[in-house]
Amino acid sequence: MQSLVENARRFPARIAGRQDAYAALARGQRPQALFITCSDSRVIPSLITGAEPGDVFEVRTAGNIVPPWQPQAACAVGGSLEFALEALEVPDIVVCGHSHCGAVQGLLREQDVRSMPLVRDWLTRAGHRTGRDTPAETSPTDGEPATAVQRHVLTQLNHLRTYPCVTRRLETGRLRLHAWYYTVETGEVLAREPDGDTFRPL
């Protein structure tokens, strides 16, 4: 923690030569994209993308889960999504999963989260059922772990499409959706091909 404190103390001096840029940020933001990814400390969107302050509007949740839209349900993810689209008018949304994801592992093996009831409850919003009775077409457990995470990302992308603010923009061509997969150990980023569900290097 002390290293974080020291870096925070030095931050004003580090940006002293960019005062005009930071003053402009204080007047408003116009991010290039909404980046929805996992809370995992190993996944840092600005490090992966090279984003500068103001470039990316981030939503981070355990397992980059986007709960399906429910008209009467208050949800921090939904509220952030609505703000990004209605107030900031972001033209792109990226849902980025990653290797070694603890949330997806919790979906694969319920015993891993048995002692964490809040986590278990959150995972129920992922759109997958767990256990032996999970149908093959919705199971996140099919194939290799990377495939499981990628299928999970595509499910969250489908959840995004249930939000009216997303649907309206998709129908008028004002919004593009992207599915990414980040490999922690190599730094490689894969993206879903436009005409299928296969992930290829960016």
N, C-alpha and C. Protein backbone atom coordinates (compact mmCIF):
# COMPACT_ATOMS: atom_id res chain seq x y z
N MET A 1 0.83 -1.21 0.00
CA MET A 1 0.00 0.00 0.00
C MET A 1 0.86 1.26 0.00
N GLN A 2 1.99 1.22 0.68
CA GLN A 2 2.81 2.42 0.78
C GLN A 2 3.29 2.91 -0.58
N SER A 3 3.60 1.97 -1.48
CA SER A 3 4.04 2.40 -2.81
C SER A 3 2.92 3.13 -3.55
N LEU A 4 1.68 2.71 -3.33
CA LEU A 4 0.55 3.39 -3.95
C LEU A 4 0.41 4.80 -3.39
N VAL A 5 0.58 4.93 -2.08
CA VAL A 5 0.50 6.25 -1.44
C VAL A 5 1.58 7.17 -1.99
N GLU A 6 2.79 6.66 -2.09
CA GLU A 6 3.90 7.49 -2.57
C GLU A 6 3.67 7.94 -4.01
N ASN A 7 3.18 7.04 -4.84
CA ASN A 7 2.91 7.41 -6.23
C ASN A 7 1.80 8.45 -6.33
N ALA A 8 0.77 8.32 -5.48
CA ALA A 8 -0.30 9.32 -5.47
C ALA A 8 0.23 10.69 -5.06
N ARG A 9 1.14 10.70 -4.10
CA ARG A 9 1.73 11.97 -3.67
C ARG A 9 2.54 12.63 -4.79
N ARG A 10 3.21 11.80 -5.59
CA ARG A 10 4.06 12.34 -6.65
C ARG A 10 3.29 12.65 -7.94
N PHE A 11 2.03 12.25 -8.00
CA PHE A 11 1.28 12.39 -9.24
C PHE A 11 1.18 13.83 -9.73
N PRO A 12 0.85 14.81 -8.89
CA PRO A 12 0.77 16.20 -9.39
C PRO A 12 2.07 16.66 -10.04
N ALA A 13 3.19 16.26 -9.49
CA ALA A 13 4.47 16.66 -10.08
C ALA A 13 4.70 15.97 -11.42
N ARG A 14 4.23 14.71 -11.54
CA ARG A 14 4.44 13.96 -12.78
C ARG A 14 3.65 14.55 -13.94
N ILE A 15 2.51 15.19 -13.65
CA ILE A 15 1.69 15.74 -14.73
C ILE A 15 1.83 17.25 -14.85
N ALA A 16 2.82 17.80 -14.18
CA ALA A 16 2.96 19.26 -14.16
C ALA A 16 3.12 19.83 -15.56
N GLY A 17 3.74 19.08 -16.47
CA GLY A 17 3.94 19.57 -17.82
C GLY A 17 2.74 19.38 -18.72
N ARG A 18 1.65 18.83 -18.19
CA ARG A 18 0.46 18.58 -19.01
C ARG A 18 -0.77 19.28 -18.41
N GLN A 19 -0.53 20.41 -17.82
CA GLN A 19 -1.61 21.10 -17.11
C GLN A 19 -2.76 21.49 -18.03
N ASP A 20 -2.46 21.87 -19.27
CA ASP A 20 -3.52 22.27 -20.19
C ASP A 20 -4.42 21.08 -20.51
N ALA A 21 -3.83 19.91 -20.71
CA ALA A 21 -4.61 18.71 -21.03
C ALA A 21 -5.51 18.33 -19.87
N TYR A 22 -5.00 18.42 -18.67
CA TYR A 22 -5.80 18.06 -17.51
C TYR A 22 -6.86 19.11 -17.21
N ALA A 23 -6.57 20.35 -17.52
CA ALA A 23 -7.58 21.40 -17.36
C ALA A 23 -8.74 21.16 -18.33
N ALA A 24 -8.43 20.69 -19.54
CA ALA A 24 -9.48 20.38 -20.51
C ALA A 24 -10.35 19.23 -20.01
N LEU A 25 -9.73 18.24 -19.37
CA LEU A 25 -10.50 17.12 -18.82
C LEU A 25 -11.47 17.59 -17.74
N ALA A 26 -11.08 18.61 -17.00
CA ALA A 26 -11.96 19.12 -15.95
C ALA A 26 -13.23 19.74 -16.52
N ARG A 27 -13.20 20.11 -17.80
CA ARG A 27 -14.37 20.75 -18.42
C ARG A 27 -15.34 19.72 -19.01
N GLY A 28 -14.95 18.44 -19.05
CA GLY A 28 -15.85 17.42 -19.57
C GLY A 28 -15.09 16.26 -20.16
N GLN A 29 -15.83 15.22 -20.53
CA GLN A 29 -15.21 14.03 -21.09
C GLN A 29 -15.95 13.57 -22.33
N ARG A 30 -15.20 13.00 -23.26
CA ARG A 30 -15.78 12.43 -24.47
C ARG A 30 -15.00 11.15 -24.80
N PRO A 31 -15.21 10.09 -24.00
CA PRO A 31 -14.43 8.86 -24.17
C PRO A 31 -14.69 8.18 -25.51
N GLN A 32 -13.68 7.49 -25.99
CA GLN A 32 -13.80 6.76 -27.25
C GLN A 32 -14.66 5.52 -27.11
N ALA A 33 -14.66 4.91 -25.93
CA ALA A 33 -15.35 3.64 -25.76
C ALA A 33 -15.71 3.42 -24.30
N LEU A 34 -16.74 2.59 -24.12
CA LEU A 34 -17.05 2.02 -22.81
C LEU A 34 -16.35 0.67 -22.75
N PHE A 35 -15.54 0.47 -21.74
CA PHE A 35 -14.74 -0.75 -21.60
C PHE A 35 -15.23 -1.50 -20.36
N ILE A 36 -15.91 -2.62 -20.58
CA ILE A 36 -16.45 -3.43 -19.49
C ILE A 36 -15.53 -4.62 -19.29
N THR A 37 -14.92 -4.70 -18.13
CA THR A 37 -13.99 -5.79 -17.88
C THR A 37 -14.05 -6.22 -16.43
N CYS A 38 -13.21 -7.18 -16.10
CA CYS A 38 -13.22 -7.78 -14.77
C CYS A 38 -12.54 -6.88 -13.75
N SER A 39 -12.90 -7.05 -12.50
CA SER A 39 -12.26 -6.31 -11.41
C SER A 39 -10.86 -6.82 -11.10
N ASP A 40 -10.47 -7.91 -11.71
CA ASP A 40 -9.18 -8.55 -11.46
C ASP A 40 -8.04 -7.54 -11.55
N SER A 41 -7.16 -7.55 -10.56
CA SER A 41 -6.08 -6.57 -10.49
C SER A 41 -5.05 -6.73 -11.60
N ARG A 42 -5.06 -7.86 -12.27
CA ARG A 42 -4.09 -8.11 -13.35
C ARG A 42 -4.55 -7.54 -14.69
N VAL A 43 -5.78 -7.05 -14.73
CA VAL A 43 -6.34 -6.52 -15.98
C VAL A 43 -6.47 -5.00 -15.84
N ILE A 44 -5.66 -4.27 -16.59
CA ILE A 44 -5.63 -2.82 -16.50
C ILE A 44 -5.91 -2.26 -17.89
N PRO A 45 -7.14 -1.82 -18.15
CA PRO A 45 -7.51 -1.39 -19.50
C PRO A 45 -6.57 -0.35 -20.11
N SER A 46 -6.19 0.65 -19.34
CA SER A 46 -5.33 1.70 -19.90
C SER A 46 -3.95 1.16 -20.26
N LEU A 47 -3.48 0.17 -19.53
CA LEU A 47 -2.18 -0.44 -19.85
C LEU A 47 -2.29 -1.26 -21.13
N ILE A 48 -3.39 -2.00 -21.27
CA ILE A 48 -3.59 -2.84 -22.44
C ILE A 48 -3.79 -2.01 -23.70
N THR A 49 -4.58 -0.94 -23.60
CA THR A 49 -4.96 -0.17 -24.78
C THR A 49 -4.11 1.08 -25.01
N GLY A 50 -3.33 1.46 -24.02
CA GLY A 50 -2.59 2.71 -24.14
C GLY A 50 -3.46 3.94 -23.98
N ALA A 51 -4.64 3.76 -23.37
CA ALA A 51 -5.57 4.87 -23.21
C ALA A 51 -5.01 5.95 -22.29
N GLU A 52 -5.26 7.19 -22.68
CA GLU A 52 -4.92 8.34 -21.86
C GLU A 52 -6.16 8.74 -21.06
N PRO A 53 -6.00 9.58 -20.02
CA PRO A 53 -7.16 10.05 -19.28
C PRO A 53 -8.20 10.67 -20.23
N GLY A 54 -9.44 10.26 -20.07
CA GLY A 54 -10.51 10.75 -20.92
C GLY A 54 -10.84 9.85 -22.10
N ASP A 55 -9.99 8.85 -22.38
CA ASP A 55 -10.20 8.00 -23.55
C ASP A 55 -11.21 6.89 -23.34
N VAL A 56 -11.26 6.34 -22.11
CA VAL A 56 -12.04 5.13 -21.86
C VAL A 56 -12.91 5.33 -20.63
N PHE A 57 -14.19 5.01 -20.77
CA PHE A 57 -15.12 4.98 -19.64
C PHE A 57 -15.19 3.54 -19.18
N GLU A 58 -14.78 3.26 -17.95
CA GLU A 58 -14.63 1.88 -17.48
C GLU A 58 -15.78 1.44 -16.57
N VAL A 59 -16.21 0.20 -16.76
CA VAL A 59 -17.08 -0.48 -15.82
C VAL A 59 -16.39 -1.80 -15.48
N ARG A 60 -16.12 -1.99 -14.19
CA ARG A 60 -15.41 -3.20 -13.78
C ARG A 60 -16.27 -3.96 -12.76
N THR A 61 -16.49 -5.22 -13.06
CA THR A 61 -17.25 -6.08 -12.17
C THR A 61 -16.56 -7.42 -12.07
N ALA A 62 -16.83 -8.17 -11.02
CA ALA A 62 -16.29 -9.52 -10.93
C ALA A 62 -16.79 -10.33 -12.12
N GLY A 63 -15.85 -10.81 -12.93
CA GLY A 63 -16.22 -11.61 -14.09
C GLY A 63 -16.78 -10.83 -15.25
N ASN A 64 -16.56 -9.51 -15.29
CA ASN A 64 -17.13 -8.64 -16.34
C ASN A 64 -18.57 -9.00 -16.67
N ILE A 65 -19.35 -9.26 -15.61
CA ILE A 65 -20.75 -9.66 -15.79
C ILE A 65 -21.62 -8.43 -16.05
N VAL A 66 -22.48 -8.55 -17.06
CA VAL A 66 -23.49 -7.54 -17.36
C VAL A 66 -24.85 -8.20 -17.13
N PRO A 67 -25.51 -7.91 -16.03
CA PRO A 67 -26.83 -8.52 -15.80
C PRO A 67 -27.81 -8.13 -16.90
N PRO A 68 -28.69 -9.02 -17.32
CA PRO A 68 -29.71 -8.65 -18.30
C PRO A 68 -30.57 -7.51 -17.78
N TRP A 69 -31.07 -6.70 -18.70
CA TRP A 69 -31.89 -5.55 -18.34
C TRP A 69 -33.18 -5.99 -17.66
N GLN A 70 -33.49 -5.31 -16.56
CA GLN A 70 -34.76 -5.50 -15.87
C GLN A 70 -35.33 -4.12 -15.57
N PRO A 71 -36.52 -3.82 -16.06
CA PRO A 71 -37.05 -2.45 -15.95
C PRO A 71 -37.08 -1.89 -14.54
N GLN A 72 -37.40 -2.72 -13.55
CA GLN A 72 -37.59 -2.22 -12.20
C GLN A 72 -36.40 -2.47 -11.28
N ALA A 73 -35.31 -3.02 -11.83
CA ALA A 73 -34.17 -3.39 -10.97
C ALA A 73 -33.08 -2.34 -11.05
N ALA A 74 -32.68 -1.82 -9.89
CA ALA A 74 -31.55 -0.89 -9.84
C ALA A 74 -30.26 -1.69 -9.97
N CYS A 75 -29.37 -1.24 -10.82
CA CYS A 75 -28.13 -1.97 -11.08
C CYS A 75 -27.04 -0.97 -11.44
N ALA A 76 -25.91 -1.05 -10.76
CA ALA A 76 -24.81 -0.13 -11.02
C ALA A 76 -24.28 -0.29 -12.44
N VAL A 77 -24.25 -1.53 -12.94
CA VAL A 77 -23.78 -1.75 -14.29
C VAL A 77 -24.72 -1.08 -15.29
N GLY A 78 -26.03 -1.31 -15.11
CA GLY A 78 -27.01 -0.70 -16.00
C GLY A 78 -26.97 0.81 -15.96
N GLY A 79 -26.82 1.37 -14.77
CA GLY A 79 -26.76 2.82 -14.64
C GLY A 79 -25.53 3.40 -15.33
N SER A 80 -24.40 2.72 -15.19
CA SER A 80 -23.17 3.19 -15.84
C SER A 80 -23.29 3.08 -17.35
N LEU A 81 -23.90 1.98 -17.81
CA LEU A 81 -24.11 1.79 -19.24
C LEU A 81 -24.99 2.90 -19.81
N GLU A 82 -26.08 3.17 -19.13
CA GLU A 82 -27.00 4.21 -19.59
C GLU A 82 -26.32 5.57 -19.64
N PHE A 83 -25.51 5.89 -18.63
CA PHE A 83 -24.81 7.17 -18.62
C PHE A 83 -23.81 7.25 -19.77
N ALA A 84 -23.08 6.16 -20.01
CA ALA A 84 -22.09 6.15 -21.09
C ALA A 84 -22.74 6.40 -22.44
N LEU A 85 -23.94 5.84 -22.64
CA LEU A 85 -24.61 5.97 -23.93
C LEU A 85 -25.41 7.27 -24.05
N GLU A 86 -26.20 7.58 -23.03
CA GLU A 86 -27.10 8.73 -23.12
C GLU A 86 -26.38 10.06 -22.89
N ALA A 87 -25.47 10.09 -21.93
CA ALA A 87 -24.80 11.36 -21.61
C ALA A 87 -23.51 11.54 -22.40
N LEU A 88 -22.73 10.46 -22.53
CA LEU A 88 -21.42 10.57 -23.17
C LEU A 88 -21.43 10.15 -24.63
N GLU A 89 -22.48 9.44 -25.04
CA GLU A 89 -22.64 9.01 -26.43
C GLU A 89 -21.43 8.24 -26.96
N VAL A 90 -20.96 7.29 -26.17
CA VAL A 90 -19.83 6.48 -26.63
C VAL A 90 -20.26 5.66 -27.85
N PRO A 91 -19.39 5.56 -28.88
CA PRO A 91 -19.76 4.84 -30.09
C PRO A 91 -19.40 3.35 -30.06
N ASP A 92 -18.61 2.94 -29.08
CA ASP A 92 -18.16 1.55 -29.02
C ASP A 92 -18.21 1.03 -27.59
N ILE A 93 -18.59 -0.25 -27.45
CA ILE A 93 -18.53 -0.94 -26.16
C ILE A 93 -17.68 -2.18 -26.33
N VAL A 94 -16.70 -2.34 -25.46
CA VAL A 94 -15.87 -3.53 -25.43
C VAL A 94 -16.18 -4.31 -24.16
N VAL A 95 -16.49 -5.60 -24.30
CA VAL A 95 -16.56 -6.49 -23.14
C VAL A 95 -15.31 -7.37 -23.21
N CYS A 96 -14.47 -7.26 -22.20
CA CYS A 96 -13.17 -7.93 -22.22
C CYS A 96 -13.05 -8.93 -21.07
N GLY A 97 -12.99 -10.22 -21.42
CA GLY A 97 -12.69 -11.25 -20.44
C GLY A 97 -11.20 -11.52 -20.42
N HIS A 98 -10.79 -12.42 -19.55
CA HIS A 98 -9.34 -12.67 -19.45
C HIS A 98 -9.06 -14.08 -18.96
N SER A 99 -7.84 -14.52 -19.20
CA SER A 99 -7.41 -15.83 -18.74
C SER A 99 -7.34 -15.85 -17.21
N HIS A 100 -7.46 -17.04 -16.65
CA HIS A 100 -7.36 -17.24 -15.19
C HIS A 100 -8.40 -16.42 -14.43
N CYS A 101 -9.61 -16.34 -14.97
CA CYS A 101 -10.67 -15.54 -14.35
C CYS A 101 -11.32 -16.32 -13.21
N GLY A 102 -11.22 -15.78 -12.01
CA GLY A 102 -11.79 -16.45 -10.84
C GLY A 102 -13.30 -16.57 -10.90
N ALA A 103 -13.96 -15.59 -11.49
CA ALA A 103 -15.43 -15.65 -11.59
C ALA A 103 -15.87 -16.79 -12.49
N VAL A 104 -15.20 -16.94 -13.64
CA VAL A 104 -15.55 -18.05 -14.53
C VAL A 104 -15.21 -19.38 -13.87
N GLN A 105 -14.11 -19.42 -13.14
CA GLN A 105 -13.79 -20.64 -12.40
C GLN A 105 -14.88 -20.96 -11.38
N GLY A 106 -15.46 -19.90 -10.78
CA GLY A 106 -16.55 -20.11 -9.85
C GLY A 106 -17.79 -20.68 -10.53
N LEU A 107 -17.98 -20.32 -11.81
CA LEU A 107 -19.07 -20.90 -12.59
C LEU A 107 -18.79 -22.36 -12.93
N LEU A 108 -17.52 -22.66 -13.16
CA LEU A 108 -17.14 -24.03 -13.49
C LEU A 108 -17.20 -24.94 -12.28
N ARG A 109 -16.80 -24.40 -11.13
CA ARG A 109 -16.73 -25.20 -9.90
C ARG A 109 -17.36 -24.41 -8.75
N GLU A 110 -18.61 -24.70 -8.47
CA GLU A 110 -19.33 -23.96 -7.43
C GLU A 110 -18.65 -24.06 -6.07
N GLN A 111 -17.92 -25.15 -5.84
CA GLN A 111 -17.28 -25.32 -4.53
C GLN A 111 -16.23 -24.23 -4.27
N ASP A 112 -15.70 -23.60 -5.35
CA ASP A 112 -14.70 -22.56 -5.18
C ASP A 112 -15.27 -21.31 -4.51
N VAL A 113 -16.58 -21.10 -4.62
CA VAL A 113 -17.20 -19.90 -4.06
C VAL A 113 -18.23 -20.23 -2.99
N ARG A 114 -18.16 -21.45 -2.48
CA ARG A 114 -19.17 -21.89 -1.51
C ARG A 114 -19.16 -21.02 -0.26
N SER A 115 -18.00 -20.52 0.14
CA SER A 115 -17.90 -19.71 1.36
C SER A 115 -18.15 -18.23 1.11
N MET A 116 -18.54 -17.86 -0.13
CA MET A 116 -18.74 -16.46 -0.49
C MET A 116 -20.15 -16.27 -1.05
N PRO A 117 -21.14 -16.13 -0.19
CA PRO A 117 -22.53 -16.07 -0.68
C PRO A 117 -22.82 -14.89 -1.59
N LEU A 118 -22.19 -13.74 -1.35
CA LEU A 118 -22.42 -12.59 -2.22
C LEU A 118 -21.86 -12.84 -3.62
N VAL A 119 -20.71 -13.48 -3.68
CA VAL A 119 -20.12 -13.82 -4.97
C VAL A 119 -21.01 -14.83 -5.70
N ARG A 120 -21.49 -15.83 -4.96
CA ARG A 120 -22.38 -16.83 -5.57
C ARG A 120 -23.61 -16.17 -6.16
N ASP A 121 -24.18 -15.23 -5.42
CA ASP A 121 -25.37 -14.54 -5.90
C ASP A 121 -25.06 -13.72 -7.15
N TRP A 122 -23.91 -13.04 -7.15
CA TRP A 122 -23.53 -12.24 -8.31
C TRP A 122 -23.35 -13.13 -9.54
N LEU A 123 -22.76 -14.31 -9.37
CA LEU A 123 -22.51 -15.20 -10.50
C LEU A 123 -23.81 -15.70 -11.13
N THR A 124 -24.90 -15.69 -10.37
CA THR A 124 -26.17 -16.12 -10.96
C THR A 124 -26.62 -15.16 -12.05
N ARG A 125 -26.06 -13.96 -12.08
CA ARG A 125 -26.43 -12.98 -13.10
C ARG A 125 -25.62 -13.13 -14.38
N ALA A 126 -24.72 -14.11 -14.39
CA ALA A 126 -23.85 -14.29 -15.55
C ALA A 126 -24.59 -14.85 -16.76
N GLY A 127 -25.77 -15.45 -16.53
CA GLY A 127 -26.51 -16.01 -17.64
C GLY A 127 -26.22 -17.46 -17.90
N HIS A 128 -25.46 -18.10 -17.00
CA HIS A 128 -25.18 -19.52 -17.12
C HIS A 128 -25.75 -20.23 -15.90
N ARG A 129 -26.23 -21.45 -16.11
CA ARG A 129 -26.57 -22.30 -14.98
C ARG A 129 -25.40 -23.24 -14.75
N THR A 130 -25.14 -23.54 -13.50
CA THR A 130 -24.04 -24.44 -13.19
C THR A 130 -24.59 -25.79 -12.75
N GLY A 131 -23.71 -26.76 -12.69
CA GLY A 131 -24.11 -28.09 -12.24
C GLY A 131 -24.27 -29.06 -13.39
N ARG A 132 -24.60 -30.30 -13.05
CA ARG A 132 -24.67 -31.37 -14.03
C ARG A 132 -25.79 -31.19 -15.04
N ASP A 133 -26.84 -30.43 -14.67
CA ASP A 133 -27.98 -30.32 -15.57
C ASP A 133 -27.86 -29.16 -16.54
N THR A 134 -26.67 -28.53 -16.63
CA THR A 134 -26.51 -27.40 -17.52
C THR A 134 -26.58 -27.86 -18.96
N PRO A 135 -27.48 -27.31 -19.77
CA PRO A 135 -27.56 -27.71 -21.16
C PRO A 135 -26.31 -27.31 -21.92
N ALA A 136 -25.91 -28.12 -22.88
CA ALA A 136 -24.65 -27.88 -23.60
C ALA A 136 -24.62 -26.53 -24.29
N GLU A 137 -25.77 -26.08 -24.81
CA GLU A 137 -25.75 -24.84 -25.58
C GLU A 137 -25.55 -23.61 -24.73
N THR A 138 -25.73 -23.69 -23.42
CA THR A 138 -25.53 -22.52 -22.57
C THR A 138 -24.40 -22.73 -21.56
N SER A 139 -23.77 -23.88 -21.60
CA SER A 139 -22.76 -24.19 -20.59
C SER A 139 -21.48 -23.41 -20.80
N PRO A 140 -20.94 -22.77 -19.73
CA PRO A 140 -19.65 -22.11 -19.86
C PRO A 140 -18.51 -23.10 -19.71
N THR A 141 -18.80 -24.37 -19.50
CA THR A 141 -17.77 -25.33 -19.17
C THR A 141 -17.27 -26.10 -20.38
N ASP A 142 -17.90 -25.90 -21.54
CA ASP A 142 -17.48 -26.65 -22.71
C ASP A 142 -16.09 -26.21 -23.16
N GLY A 143 -15.27 -27.17 -23.58
CA GLY A 143 -13.99 -26.87 -24.18
C GLY A 143 -12.94 -26.45 -23.17
N GLU A 144 -11.87 -25.83 -23.67
CA GLU A 144 -10.76 -25.38 -22.83
C GLU A 144 -11.17 -24.15 -22.03
N PRO A 145 -10.42 -23.86 -20.95
CA PRO A 145 -10.76 -22.68 -20.13
C PRO A 145 -10.88 -21.39 -20.94
N ALA A 146 -9.99 -21.18 -21.93
CA ALA A 146 -10.07 -19.97 -22.74
C ALA A 146 -11.40 -19.91 -23.48
N THR A 147 -11.83 -21.05 -23.99
CA THR A 147 -13.12 -21.10 -24.70
C THR A 147 -14.26 -20.79 -23.74
N ALA A 148 -14.16 -21.29 -22.51
CA ALA A 148 -15.20 -21.02 -21.51
C ALA A 148 -15.32 -19.53 -21.25
N VAL A 149 -14.20 -18.85 -21.10
CA VAL A 149 -14.22 -17.41 -20.85
C VAL A 149 -14.77 -16.67 -22.07
N GLN A 150 -14.37 -17.09 -23.25
CA GLN A 150 -14.83 -16.43 -24.47
C GLN A 150 -16.34 -16.59 -24.64
N ARG A 151 -16.86 -17.78 -24.36
CA ARG A 151 -18.31 -17.98 -24.42
C ARG A 151 -19.01 -17.09 -23.39
N HIS A 152 -18.39 -16.98 -22.23
CA HIS A 152 -18.94 -16.12 -21.17
C HIS A 152 -19.00 -14.66 -21.65
N VAL A 153 -17.96 -14.18 -22.30
CA VAL A 153 -17.94 -12.82 -22.82
C VAL A 153 -19.07 -12.62 -23.84
N LEU A 154 -19.27 -13.59 -24.71
CA LEU A 154 -20.33 -13.47 -25.72
C LEU A 154 -21.71 -13.44 -25.07
N THR A 155 -21.87 -14.17 -23.96
CA THR A 155 -23.14 -14.12 -23.23
C THR A 155 -23.38 -12.72 -22.67
N GLN A 156 -22.34 -12.09 -22.14
CA GLN A 156 -22.50 -10.74 -21.60
C GLN A 156 -22.80 -9.74 -22.72
N LEU A 157 -22.24 -9.99 -23.90
CA LEU A 157 -22.56 -9.15 -25.05
C LEU A 157 -24.04 -9.27 -25.40
N ASN A 158 -24.57 -10.49 -25.32
CA ASN A 158 -26.00 -10.69 -25.56
C ASN A 158 -26.84 -9.99 -24.50
N HIS A 159 -26.36 -9.97 -23.26
CA HIS A 159 -27.08 -9.25 -22.22
C HIS A 159 -27.13 -7.75 -22.53
N LEU A 160 -26.05 -7.22 -23.06
CA LEU A 160 -26.05 -5.80 -23.43
C LEU A 160 -27.17 -5.48 -24.40
N ARG A 161 -27.43 -6.39 -25.30
CA ARG A 161 -28.45 -6.17 -26.33
C ARG A 161 -29.86 -6.12 -25.75
N THR A 162 -30.03 -6.51 -24.50
CA THR A 162 -31.36 -6.45 -23.89
C THR A 162 -31.69 -5.05 -23.37
N TYR A 163 -30.71 -4.16 -23.32
CA TYR A 163 -30.93 -2.80 -22.81
C TYR A 163 -31.49 -1.92 -23.93
N PRO A 164 -32.61 -1.25 -23.68
CA PRO A 164 -33.20 -0.40 -24.72
C PRO A 164 -32.24 0.64 -25.28
N CYS A 165 -31.42 1.24 -24.43
CA CYS A 165 -30.49 2.27 -24.92
C CYS A 165 -29.44 1.68 -25.87
N VAL A 166 -29.12 0.41 -25.68
CA VAL A 166 -28.20 -0.27 -26.59
C VAL A 166 -28.91 -0.62 -27.89
N THR A 167 -30.09 -1.20 -27.76
CA THR A 167 -30.86 -1.63 -28.93
C THR A 167 -31.10 -0.47 -29.89
N ARG A 168 -31.50 0.68 -29.34
CA ARG A 168 -31.79 1.84 -30.20
C ARG A 168 -30.57 2.25 -31.01
N ARG A 169 -29.43 2.27 -30.36
CA ARG A 169 -28.22 2.71 -31.05
C ARG A 169 -27.70 1.67 -32.05
N LEU A 170 -27.86 0.39 -31.73
CA LEU A 170 -27.48 -0.64 -32.68
C LEU A 170 -28.34 -0.55 -33.94
N GLU A 171 -29.63 -0.30 -33.75
CA GLU A 171 -30.55 -0.25 -34.90
C GLU A 171 -30.27 0.93 -35.83
N THR A 172 -29.72 2.01 -35.27
CA THR A 172 -29.44 3.19 -36.08
C THR A 172 -27.97 3.31 -36.45
N GLY A 173 -27.17 2.28 -36.12
CA GLY A 173 -25.77 2.28 -36.50
C GLY A 173 -24.89 3.21 -35.70
N ARG A 174 -25.37 3.63 -34.54
CA ARG A 174 -24.58 4.56 -33.72
C ARG A 174 -23.73 3.85 -32.68
N LEU A 175 -23.75 2.52 -32.67
CA LEU A 175 -23.03 1.78 -31.63
C LEU A 175 -22.47 0.49 -32.22
N ARG A 176 -21.26 0.16 -31.80
CA ARG A 176 -20.62 -1.09 -32.18
C ARG A 176 -20.24 -1.85 -30.91
N LEU A 177 -20.45 -3.16 -30.91
CA LEU A 177 -20.12 -4.01 -29.77
C LEU A 177 -18.91 -4.88 -30.12
N HIS A 178 -18.02 -5.04 -29.14
CA HIS A 178 -16.78 -5.80 -29.36
C HIS A 178 -16.58 -6.79 -28.21
N ALA A 179 -16.14 -7.98 -28.54
CA ALA A 179 -15.80 -9.00 -27.54
C ALA A 179 -14.31 -9.26 -27.59
N TRP A 180 -13.63 -9.06 -26.46
CA TRP A 180 -12.19 -9.26 -26.38
C TRP A 180 -11.86 -10.30 -25.32
N TYR A 181 -10.69 -10.90 -25.50
CA TYR A 181 -10.15 -11.85 -24.52
C TYR A 181 -8.68 -11.52 -24.31
N TYR A 182 -8.31 -11.23 -23.07
CA TYR A 182 -6.94 -10.84 -22.72
C TYR A 182 -6.22 -11.99 -22.04
N THR A 183 -5.03 -12.32 -22.54
CA THR A 183 -4.23 -13.40 -21.97
C THR A 183 -3.21 -12.79 -21.00
N VAL A 184 -3.40 -13.05 -19.72
CA VAL A 184 -2.59 -12.41 -18.68
C VAL A 184 -1.11 -12.70 -18.86
N GLU A 185 -0.76 -13.94 -19.16
CA GLU A 185 0.65 -14.34 -19.17
C GLU A 185 1.44 -13.85 -20.37
N THR A 186 0.75 -13.51 -21.48
CA THR A 186 1.45 -13.06 -22.68
C THR A 186 1.11 -11.63 -23.06
N GLY A 187 0.00 -11.11 -22.56
CA GLY A 187 -0.44 -9.77 -22.95
C GLY A 187 -1.21 -9.75 -24.26
N GLU A 188 -1.37 -10.90 -24.91
CA GLU A 188 -2.07 -10.94 -26.20
C GLU A 188 -3.56 -10.68 -26.00
N VAL A 189 -4.13 -9.93 -26.94
CA VAL A 189 -5.56 -9.66 -26.93
C VAL A 189 -6.18 -10.30 -28.18
N LEU A 190 -7.21 -11.10 -27.95
CA LEU A 190 -7.98 -11.69 -29.04
C LEU A 190 -9.31 -10.97 -29.14
N ALA A 191 -9.86 -10.93 -30.33
CA ALA A 191 -11.17 -10.31 -30.54
C ALA A 191 -12.04 -11.23 -31.37
N ARG A 192 -13.34 -11.18 -31.10
CA ARG A 192 -14.27 -11.99 -31.89
C ARG A 192 -14.31 -11.48 -33.32
N GLU A 193 -14.27 -12.42 -34.25
CA GLU A 193 -14.38 -12.06 -35.65
C GLU A 193 -15.78 -11.51 -35.93
N PRO A 194 -15.90 -10.55 -36.83
CA PRO A 194 -17.19 -9.90 -37.08
C PRO A 194 -18.30 -10.85 -37.50
N ASP A 195 -17.98 -11.88 -38.26
CA ASP A 195 -19.01 -12.75 -38.81
C ASP A 195 -19.09 -14.12 -38.13
N GLY A 196 -18.66 -14.19 -36.88
CA GLY A 196 -18.72 -15.48 -36.19
C GLY A 196 -18.39 -15.32 -34.72
N ASP A 197 -18.21 -16.46 -34.05
CA ASP A 197 -17.90 -16.44 -32.62
C ASP A 197 -16.47 -16.89 -32.35
N THR A 198 -15.64 -16.91 -33.38
CA THR A 198 -14.23 -17.28 -33.22
C THR A 198 -13.42 -16.07 -32.82
N PHE A 199 -12.51 -16.26 -31.87
CA PHE A 199 -11.64 -15.18 -31.41
C PHE A 199 -10.28 -15.30 -32.11
N ARG A 200 -9.80 -14.19 -32.66
CA ARG A 200 -8.50 -14.13 -33.34
C ARG A 200 -7.69 -12.97 -32.79
N PRO A 201 -6.37 -12.99 -32.93
CA PRO A 201 -5.56 -11.86 -32.47
C PRO A 201 -6.00 -10.55 -33.12
N LEU A 202 -6.00 -9.48 -32.34
CA LEU A 202 -6.36 -8.16 -32.88
C LEU A 202 -5.45 -7.79 -34.05
